[in-house]
N, C-alpha and C. Protein backbone atom coordinates (compact mmCIF):
# COMPACT_ATOMS: atom_id res chain seq x y z
N UNK A 1 11.11 10.15 -11.44
CA UNK A 1 10.52 10.68 -10.23
C UNK A 1 11.16 10.03 -9.01
N UNK A 2 11.15 10.73 -7.92
CA UNK A 2 11.74 10.19 -6.71
C UNK A 2 10.70 9.41 -5.91
N UNK A 3 11.13 8.30 -5.37
CA UNK A 3 10.25 7.45 -4.56
C UNK A 3 10.00 8.11 -3.22
N UNK A 4 8.84 7.85 -2.66
CA UNK A 4 8.49 8.27 -1.31
C UNK A 4 8.65 7.03 -0.45
N UNK A 5 9.40 7.14 0.65
CA UNK A 5 9.65 5.98 1.50
C UNK A 5 9.46 6.35 2.96
N UNK A 6 8.76 5.48 3.69
CA UNK A 6 8.51 5.67 5.12
C UNK A 6 8.61 4.33 5.82
N UNK A 7 9.11 4.34 7.05
CA UNK A 7 9.21 3.13 7.87
C UNK A 7 8.55 3.35 9.22
N UNK A 8 8.10 2.24 9.82
CA UNK A 8 7.51 2.29 11.16
C UNK A 8 7.71 0.94 11.83
N UNK A 9 7.91 0.96 13.14
CA UNK A 9 8.02 -0.27 13.92
C UNK A 9 6.65 -0.61 14.49
N UNK A 10 6.27 -1.88 14.38
CA UNK A 10 4.96 -2.35 14.83
C UNK A 10 5.17 -3.52 15.78
N UNK A 11 4.51 -3.50 16.89
CA UNK A 11 4.63 -4.57 17.88
C UNK A 11 3.73 -5.75 17.52
N UNK A 12 3.99 -6.32 16.36
CA UNK A 12 3.34 -7.54 15.88
C UNK A 12 4.35 -8.28 15.02
N UNK A 13 4.17 -9.57 14.88
CA UNK A 13 5.11 -10.40 14.11
C UNK A 13 5.07 -10.03 12.62
N UNK A 14 6.16 -10.28 11.90
CA UNK A 14 6.15 -10.05 10.45
C UNK A 14 5.01 -10.79 9.75
N UNK A 15 4.70 -12.00 10.21
CA UNK A 15 3.61 -12.78 9.60
C UNK A 15 2.27 -12.07 9.76
N UNK A 16 2.02 -11.52 10.94
CA UNK A 16 0.77 -10.80 11.18
C UNK A 16 0.66 -9.55 10.31
N UNK A 17 1.74 -8.78 10.26
CA UNK A 17 1.74 -7.55 9.47
C UNK A 17 1.57 -7.89 7.99
N UNK A 18 2.32 -8.85 7.49
CA UNK A 18 2.25 -9.24 6.08
C UNK A 18 0.83 -9.69 5.72
N UNK A 19 0.27 -10.55 6.54
CA UNK A 19 -1.06 -11.10 6.28
C UNK A 19 -2.11 -9.99 6.19
N UNK A 20 -2.05 -9.02 7.10
CA UNK A 20 -3.02 -7.93 7.11
C UNK A 20 -2.84 -7.01 5.90
N UNK A 21 -1.62 -6.62 5.64
CA UNK A 21 -1.35 -5.67 4.55
C UNK A 21 -1.64 -6.29 3.18
N UNK A 22 -1.44 -7.58 3.04
CA UNK A 22 -1.64 -8.24 1.74
C UNK A 22 -3.10 -8.53 1.43
N UNK A 23 -4.01 -8.27 2.35
CA UNK A 23 -5.43 -8.48 2.09
C UNK A 23 -6.03 -7.15 1.63
N UNK A 24 -6.33 -7.02 0.33
CA UNK A 24 -6.83 -5.73 -0.18
C UNK A 24 -8.07 -5.22 0.55
N UNK A 25 -8.90 -6.10 1.08
CA UNK A 25 -10.11 -5.63 1.76
C UNK A 25 -9.80 -4.77 2.98
N UNK A 26 -8.57 -4.89 3.53
CA UNK A 26 -8.18 -4.07 4.68
C UNK A 26 -7.64 -2.70 4.28
N UNK A 27 -7.32 -2.51 3.02
CA UNK A 27 -6.67 -1.26 2.58
C UNK A 27 -7.42 -0.01 3.04
N UNK A 28 -8.74 0.10 2.85
CA UNK A 28 -9.43 1.32 3.29
C UNK A 28 -9.44 1.51 4.81
N UNK A 29 -9.16 0.45 5.56
CA UNK A 29 -9.13 0.57 7.02
C UNK A 29 -7.92 1.38 7.50
N UNK A 30 -6.83 1.35 6.74
CA UNK A 30 -5.61 2.02 7.23
C UNK A 30 -5.03 3.05 6.26
N UNK A 31 -5.56 3.14 5.05
CA UNK A 31 -5.06 4.14 4.10
C UNK A 31 -6.13 5.20 3.84
N UNK A 32 -5.81 6.45 4.15
CA UNK A 32 -6.76 7.56 4.05
C UNK A 32 -7.37 7.73 2.66
N UNK A 33 -6.57 7.63 1.61
CA UNK A 33 -7.07 7.90 0.27
C UNK A 33 -7.84 6.74 -0.34
N UNK A 34 -7.77 5.56 0.26
CA UNK A 34 -8.46 4.39 -0.28
C UNK A 34 -9.94 4.42 0.10
N UNK A 35 -10.78 4.51 -0.90
CA UNK A 35 -12.23 4.52 -0.69
C UNK A 35 -12.74 3.09 -0.62
N UNK A 36 -12.22 2.23 -1.49
CA UNK A 36 -12.60 0.82 -1.50
C UNK A 36 -11.47 0.02 -2.15
N UNK A 37 -11.45 -1.29 -1.87
CA UNK A 37 -10.46 -2.17 -2.49
C UNK A 37 -10.99 -3.60 -2.43
N UNK A 38 -10.71 -4.36 -3.49
CA UNK A 38 -11.13 -5.76 -3.53
C UNK A 38 -10.23 -6.55 -4.46
N UNK A 39 -10.03 -7.80 -4.12
CA UNK A 39 -9.24 -8.70 -4.95
C UNK A 39 -10.05 -9.07 -6.19
N UNK A 40 -9.38 -9.17 -7.30
CA UNK A 40 -10.02 -9.60 -8.54
C UNK A 40 -9.64 -11.06 -8.79
N UNK A 41 -10.59 -11.88 -9.09
CA UNK A 41 -10.30 -13.28 -9.37
C UNK A 41 -10.33 -14.14 -8.12
N UNK A 42 -10.10 -15.42 -8.34
CA UNK A 42 -10.17 -16.43 -7.28
C UNK A 42 -8.79 -16.74 -6.72
N UNK A 43 -8.77 -17.45 -5.62
CA UNK A 43 -7.53 -17.95 -5.05
C UNK A 43 -6.82 -16.94 -4.17
N UNK A 44 -5.73 -17.39 -3.55
CA UNK A 44 -4.97 -16.52 -2.65
C UNK A 44 -4.16 -15.48 -3.43
N UNK A 45 -3.75 -14.42 -2.73
CA UNK A 45 -2.88 -13.42 -3.34
C UNK A 45 -1.53 -14.06 -3.65
N UNK A 46 -1.07 -13.87 -4.87
CA UNK A 46 0.21 -14.41 -5.30
C UNK A 46 0.70 -13.57 -6.48
N UNK A 47 1.89 -13.84 -6.96
CA UNK A 47 2.41 -13.14 -8.12
C UNK A 47 1.41 -13.31 -9.27
N UNK A 48 1.06 -12.19 -9.89
CA UNK A 48 0.09 -12.20 -10.98
C UNK A 48 -1.32 -11.85 -10.53
N UNK A 49 -1.61 -11.94 -9.22
CA UNK A 49 -2.93 -11.56 -8.72
C UNK A 49 -3.15 -10.08 -8.94
N UNK A 50 -4.41 -9.71 -9.11
CA UNK A 50 -4.77 -8.31 -9.29
C UNK A 50 -5.83 -7.92 -8.28
N UNK A 51 -5.82 -6.62 -7.94
CA UNK A 51 -6.86 -6.09 -7.08
C UNK A 51 -7.20 -4.68 -7.53
N UNK A 52 -8.46 -4.31 -7.31
CA UNK A 52 -8.96 -2.98 -7.71
C UNK A 52 -9.02 -2.10 -6.47
N UNK A 53 -8.57 -0.86 -6.64
CA UNK A 53 -8.60 0.13 -5.55
C UNK A 53 -9.21 1.41 -6.11
N UNK A 54 -10.15 1.97 -5.37
CA UNK A 54 -10.72 3.28 -5.70
C UNK A 54 -10.07 4.26 -4.73
N UNK A 55 -9.37 5.28 -5.25
CA UNK A 55 -8.67 6.25 -4.40
C UNK A 55 -9.18 7.66 -4.65
N UNK A 56 -9.10 8.46 -3.59
CA UNK A 56 -9.48 9.86 -3.68
C UNK A 56 -8.20 10.70 -3.66
N UNK A 57 -8.03 11.51 -4.70
CA UNK A 57 -6.93 12.46 -4.77
C UNK A 57 -7.55 13.83 -4.92
N UNK A 58 -7.41 14.66 -3.90
CA UNK A 58 -8.09 15.95 -3.92
C UNK A 58 -9.59 15.71 -3.93
N UNK A 59 -10.27 16.26 -4.92
CA UNK A 59 -11.72 16.07 -5.03
C UNK A 59 -12.09 14.97 -6.02
N UNK A 60 -11.08 14.32 -6.60
CA UNK A 60 -11.35 13.29 -7.61
C UNK A 60 -11.20 11.90 -7.03
N UNK A 61 -12.06 11.01 -7.47
CA UNK A 61 -11.90 9.59 -7.16
C UNK A 61 -11.44 8.89 -8.42
N UNK A 62 -10.43 8.03 -8.27
CA UNK A 62 -9.87 7.35 -9.42
C UNK A 62 -9.77 5.85 -9.15
N UNK A 63 -10.27 5.05 -10.10
CA UNK A 63 -10.10 3.61 -9.97
C UNK A 63 -8.71 3.20 -10.46
N UNK A 64 -8.15 2.18 -9.82
CA UNK A 64 -6.83 1.66 -10.21
C UNK A 64 -6.87 0.15 -10.10
N UNK A 65 -6.16 -0.49 -10.99
CA UNK A 65 -5.96 -1.93 -10.88
C UNK A 65 -4.49 -2.16 -10.61
N UNK A 66 -4.21 -2.89 -9.54
CA UNK A 66 -2.83 -3.20 -9.15
C UNK A 66 -2.57 -4.68 -9.39
N UNK A 67 -1.34 -4.98 -9.77
CA UNK A 67 -0.93 -6.37 -9.98
C UNK A 67 0.26 -6.69 -9.07
N UNK A 68 0.23 -7.87 -8.48
CA UNK A 68 1.34 -8.32 -7.64
C UNK A 68 2.46 -8.76 -8.58
N UNK A 69 3.59 -8.06 -8.51
CA UNK A 69 4.75 -8.37 -9.35
C UNK A 69 5.72 -9.31 -8.65
N UNK A 70 5.88 -9.13 -7.33
CA UNK A 70 6.78 -9.97 -6.53
C UNK A 70 6.15 -10.14 -5.16
N UNK A 71 6.42 -11.30 -4.56
CA UNK A 71 5.94 -11.55 -3.21
C UNK A 71 6.83 -12.59 -2.56
N UNK A 72 7.35 -12.24 -1.37
CA UNK A 72 8.20 -13.14 -0.60
C UNK A 72 7.70 -13.11 0.85
N UNK A 73 6.62 -13.86 1.16
CA UNK A 73 6.04 -13.81 2.50
C UNK A 73 7.03 -14.29 3.56
N UNK A 74 7.06 -13.70 4.72
CA UNK A 74 6.42 -12.45 5.14
C UNK A 74 7.37 -11.26 5.02
N UNK A 75 8.28 -11.29 4.06
CA UNK A 75 9.35 -10.29 3.98
C UNK A 75 9.09 -9.11 3.05
N UNK A 76 8.52 -9.37 1.87
CA UNK A 76 8.44 -8.27 0.90
C UNK A 76 7.39 -8.52 -0.17
N UNK A 77 7.03 -7.44 -0.86
CA UNK A 77 6.11 -7.50 -1.99
C UNK A 77 6.34 -6.30 -2.88
N UNK A 78 5.81 -6.42 -4.09
CA UNK A 78 5.90 -5.35 -5.08
C UNK A 78 4.60 -5.37 -5.88
N UNK A 79 3.86 -4.24 -5.84
CA UNK A 79 2.63 -4.07 -6.62
C UNK A 79 2.90 -3.01 -7.67
N UNK A 80 2.25 -3.16 -8.83
CA UNK A 80 2.38 -2.13 -9.86
C UNK A 80 1.01 -1.91 -10.51
N UNK A 81 0.66 -0.63 -10.70
CA UNK A 81 -0.59 -0.29 -11.37
C UNK A 81 -0.54 -0.65 -12.83
N UNK A 82 -1.65 -1.17 -13.35
CA UNK A 82 -1.68 -1.63 -14.75
C UNK A 82 -2.63 -0.82 -15.62
N UNK A 83 -3.36 0.14 -15.04
CA UNK A 83 -4.27 0.93 -15.85
C UNK A 83 -4.49 2.31 -15.23
N UNK A 84 -5.16 3.16 -15.95
CA UNK A 84 -5.51 4.48 -15.45
C UNK A 84 -4.41 5.51 -15.65
N UNK A 85 -4.74 6.77 -15.42
CA UNK A 85 -3.78 7.85 -15.63
C UNK A 85 -2.70 7.93 -14.56
N UNK A 86 -2.96 7.32 -13.39
CA UNK A 86 -1.99 7.31 -12.29
C UNK A 86 -1.77 5.85 -11.89
N UNK A 87 -0.54 5.37 -12.06
CA UNK A 87 -0.23 3.97 -11.77
C UNK A 87 0.83 3.90 -10.68
N UNK A 88 0.41 3.46 -9.54
CA UNK A 88 1.32 3.36 -8.41
C UNK A 88 2.30 2.20 -8.59
N UNK A 89 3.48 2.39 -8.03
CA UNK A 89 4.49 1.34 -7.96
C UNK A 89 4.87 1.25 -6.48
N UNK A 90 4.39 0.19 -5.82
CA UNK A 90 4.50 0.07 -4.37
C UNK A 90 5.38 -1.11 -4.01
N UNK A 91 6.37 -0.85 -3.18
CA UNK A 91 7.21 -1.92 -2.66
C UNK A 91 7.11 -1.90 -1.14
N UNK A 92 6.99 -3.06 -0.55
CA UNK A 92 6.93 -3.18 0.89
C UNK A 92 7.98 -4.17 1.39
N UNK A 93 8.51 -3.87 2.55
CA UNK A 93 9.53 -4.74 3.16
C UNK A 93 9.23 -4.81 4.66
N UNK A 94 9.30 -6.01 5.21
CA UNK A 94 9.09 -6.20 6.64
C UNK A 94 10.32 -6.90 7.22
N UNK A 95 10.93 -6.25 8.20
CA UNK A 95 12.10 -6.82 8.88
C UNK A 95 11.69 -7.25 10.28
N UNK A 96 12.07 -8.46 10.69
CA UNK A 96 11.75 -8.89 12.05
C UNK A 96 12.62 -8.15 13.07
N UNK A 97 12.02 -7.80 14.20
CA UNK A 97 12.72 -7.17 15.33
C UNK A 97 12.45 -8.01 16.57
N UNK A 98 13.35 -7.97 17.54
CA UNK A 98 13.16 -8.69 18.81
C UNK A 98 12.76 -10.14 18.60
N UNK A 99 13.56 -10.86 17.82
CA UNK A 99 13.33 -12.28 17.55
C UNK A 99 11.95 -12.54 16.94
N UNK A 100 11.49 -11.61 16.11
CA UNK A 100 10.22 -11.79 15.42
C UNK A 100 8.98 -11.40 16.20
N UNK A 101 9.15 -10.79 17.36
CA UNK A 101 7.99 -10.34 18.14
C UNK A 101 7.46 -9.01 17.62
N UNK A 102 8.36 -8.23 16.99
CA UNK A 102 7.98 -6.94 16.42
C UNK A 102 8.47 -6.89 14.98
N UNK A 103 8.02 -5.87 14.25
CA UNK A 103 8.37 -5.75 12.84
C UNK A 103 8.68 -4.31 12.48
N UNK A 104 9.57 -4.13 11.52
CA UNK A 104 9.79 -2.82 10.92
C UNK A 104 9.24 -2.88 9.50
N UNK A 105 8.20 -2.10 9.25
CA UNK A 105 7.56 -2.03 7.94
C UNK A 105 8.11 -0.82 7.19
N UNK A 106 8.58 -1.05 5.98
CA UNK A 106 9.03 0.04 5.12
C UNK A 106 8.22 -0.01 3.84
N UNK A 107 7.56 1.09 3.52
CA UNK A 107 6.80 1.21 2.28
C UNK A 107 7.49 2.22 1.39
N UNK A 108 7.58 1.89 0.12
CA UNK A 108 8.22 2.75 -0.88
C UNK A 108 7.25 2.88 -2.05
N UNK A 109 7.01 4.12 -2.49
CA UNK A 109 5.98 4.37 -3.50
C UNK A 109 6.46 5.38 -4.52
N UNK A 110 6.15 5.08 -5.78
CA UNK A 110 6.37 6.04 -6.86
C UNK A 110 5.20 5.91 -7.82
N UNK A 111 5.16 6.76 -8.82
CA UNK A 111 4.03 6.79 -9.74
C UNK A 111 4.50 6.85 -11.18
N UNK A 112 3.73 6.19 -12.02
CA UNK A 112 3.85 6.30 -13.48
C UNK A 112 2.60 7.05 -13.90
N UNK A 113 2.74 8.09 -14.71
CA UNK A 113 1.57 8.90 -15.06
C UNK A 113 1.34 8.91 -16.56
N UNK A 114 0.07 8.96 -16.92
CA UNK A 114 -0.37 8.99 -18.32
C UNK A 114 -1.49 10.02 -18.44
N UNK A 115 -1.56 10.72 -19.57
CA UNK A 115 -2.64 11.68 -19.79
C UNK A 115 -2.71 12.71 -18.68
N UNK A 116 -3.91 12.88 -18.11
CA UNK A 116 -4.14 13.86 -17.05
C UNK A 116 -3.28 13.56 -15.82
N UNK A 117 -2.84 12.32 -15.67
CA UNK A 117 -1.97 11.95 -14.57
C UNK A 117 -0.67 12.73 -14.57
N UNK A 118 -0.20 13.15 -15.75
CA UNK A 118 1.05 13.91 -15.85
C UNK A 118 0.93 15.25 -15.12
N UNK A 119 -0.28 15.78 -15.05
CA UNK A 119 -0.53 17.02 -14.32
C UNK A 119 -0.84 16.73 -12.86
N UNK A 120 -1.67 15.70 -12.63
CA UNK A 120 -2.12 15.41 -11.27
C UNK A 120 -1.02 14.89 -10.35
N UNK A 121 -0.12 14.06 -10.86
CA UNK A 121 0.89 13.46 -9.99
C UNK A 121 1.75 14.51 -9.29
N UNK A 122 2.37 15.45 -10.01
CA UNK A 122 3.22 16.41 -9.28
C UNK A 122 2.44 17.47 -8.49
N UNK A 123 1.25 17.83 -8.96
CA UNK A 123 0.51 18.91 -8.31
C UNK A 123 -0.39 18.46 -7.17
N UNK A 124 -0.95 17.25 -7.27
CA UNK A 124 -1.94 16.80 -6.29
C UNK A 124 -1.49 15.51 -5.59
N UNK A 125 -1.15 14.50 -6.37
CA UNK A 125 -0.94 13.16 -5.83
C UNK A 125 0.29 13.08 -4.93
N UNK A 126 1.46 13.47 -5.45
CA UNK A 126 2.68 13.34 -4.64
C UNK A 126 2.62 14.17 -3.36
N UNK A 127 2.17 15.44 -3.41
CA UNK A 127 2.07 16.18 -2.15
C UNK A 127 1.12 15.52 -1.14
N UNK A 128 -0.01 14.99 -1.63
CA UNK A 128 -0.96 14.33 -0.74
C UNK A 128 -0.33 13.07 -0.14
N UNK A 129 0.35 12.28 -0.96
CA UNK A 129 0.93 11.03 -0.49
C UNK A 129 2.06 11.30 0.52
N UNK A 130 2.86 12.33 0.28
CA UNK A 130 3.95 12.65 1.22
C UNK A 130 3.40 12.94 2.62
N UNK A 131 2.22 13.57 2.69
CA UNK A 131 1.59 13.85 3.99
C UNK A 131 0.89 12.62 4.53
N UNK A 132 0.23 11.88 3.65
CA UNK A 132 -0.62 10.77 4.06
C UNK A 132 0.16 9.52 4.48
N UNK A 133 1.26 9.23 3.82
CA UNK A 133 1.95 7.96 4.06
C UNK A 133 2.38 7.76 5.51
N UNK A 134 2.99 8.74 6.17
CA UNK A 134 3.32 8.53 7.59
C UNK A 134 2.07 8.34 8.46
N UNK A 135 0.99 9.04 8.13
CA UNK A 135 -0.26 8.88 8.89
C UNK A 135 -0.84 7.49 8.66
N UNK A 136 -0.75 7.00 7.42
CA UNK A 136 -1.24 5.65 7.13
C UNK A 136 -0.48 4.61 7.94
N UNK A 137 0.84 4.74 7.98
CA UNK A 137 1.64 3.79 8.75
C UNK A 137 1.32 3.87 10.24
N UNK A 138 1.12 5.07 10.76
CA UNK A 138 0.74 5.23 12.17
C UNK A 138 -0.61 4.57 12.44
N UNK A 139 -1.55 4.76 11.50
CA UNK A 139 -2.88 4.17 11.66
C UNK A 139 -2.78 2.64 11.62
N UNK A 140 -1.98 2.12 10.71
CA UNK A 140 -1.77 0.67 10.65
C UNK A 140 -1.20 0.16 11.97
N UNK A 141 -0.19 0.84 12.47
CA UNK A 141 0.43 0.47 13.75
C UNK A 141 -0.62 0.45 14.85
N UNK A 142 -1.43 1.52 14.96
CA UNK A 142 -2.46 1.60 15.99
C UNK A 142 -3.45 0.45 15.87
N UNK A 143 -3.91 0.16 14.65
CA UNK A 143 -4.85 -0.93 14.44
C UNK A 143 -4.26 -2.27 14.86
N UNK A 144 -3.03 -2.52 14.44
CA UNK A 144 -2.41 -3.81 14.70
C UNK A 144 -2.05 -3.98 16.17
N UNK A 145 -1.62 -2.92 16.82
CA UNK A 145 -1.20 -3.04 18.22
C UNK A 145 -2.40 -3.00 19.18
N UNK A 146 -3.53 -2.51 18.73
CA UNK A 146 -4.71 -2.46 19.60
C UNK A 146 -5.36 -3.84 19.74
N UNK A 147 -5.00 -4.75 18.86
CA UNK A 147 -5.59 -6.09 18.91
C UNK A 147 -6.92 -6.19 18.20
N UNK A 148 -7.34 -5.12 17.51
CA UNK A 148 -8.63 -5.15 16.81
C UNK A 148 -8.53 -5.88 15.48
N UNK A 149 -7.30 -6.15 15.02
CA UNK A 149 -7.14 -6.90 13.76
C UNK A 149 -6.32 -8.14 14.01
């Protein structure tokens, strides 16, 4: 499957953007399909950490567990779904702009599908994500630049 990739420039430091995006509790604040999200287990987010996300695709809500596969603060991360019929594979990269005063965030997403996911990914999930991802990045930019986060 082909990855979906979108970039946006945000007038906040890479450290600020990384810190906000890496906190699962913020996910529903800036991602339309995220109904809820929470870290599983104790301690800070690091390689091997897991978090649960409940997402809405069409009229269905689906729980997912994501695991941090790679993390290089404040530059990049890689999450991969470990359960469910739809398993996201998310990579993020943050490049500093203007001597670190601004950031370019690039998100790249693909899916691994199992069972009913083999039908849902091409018919529902990918079309929804292609529309939603640029809006999510715009919403993140607005939140971060407004000073509310």
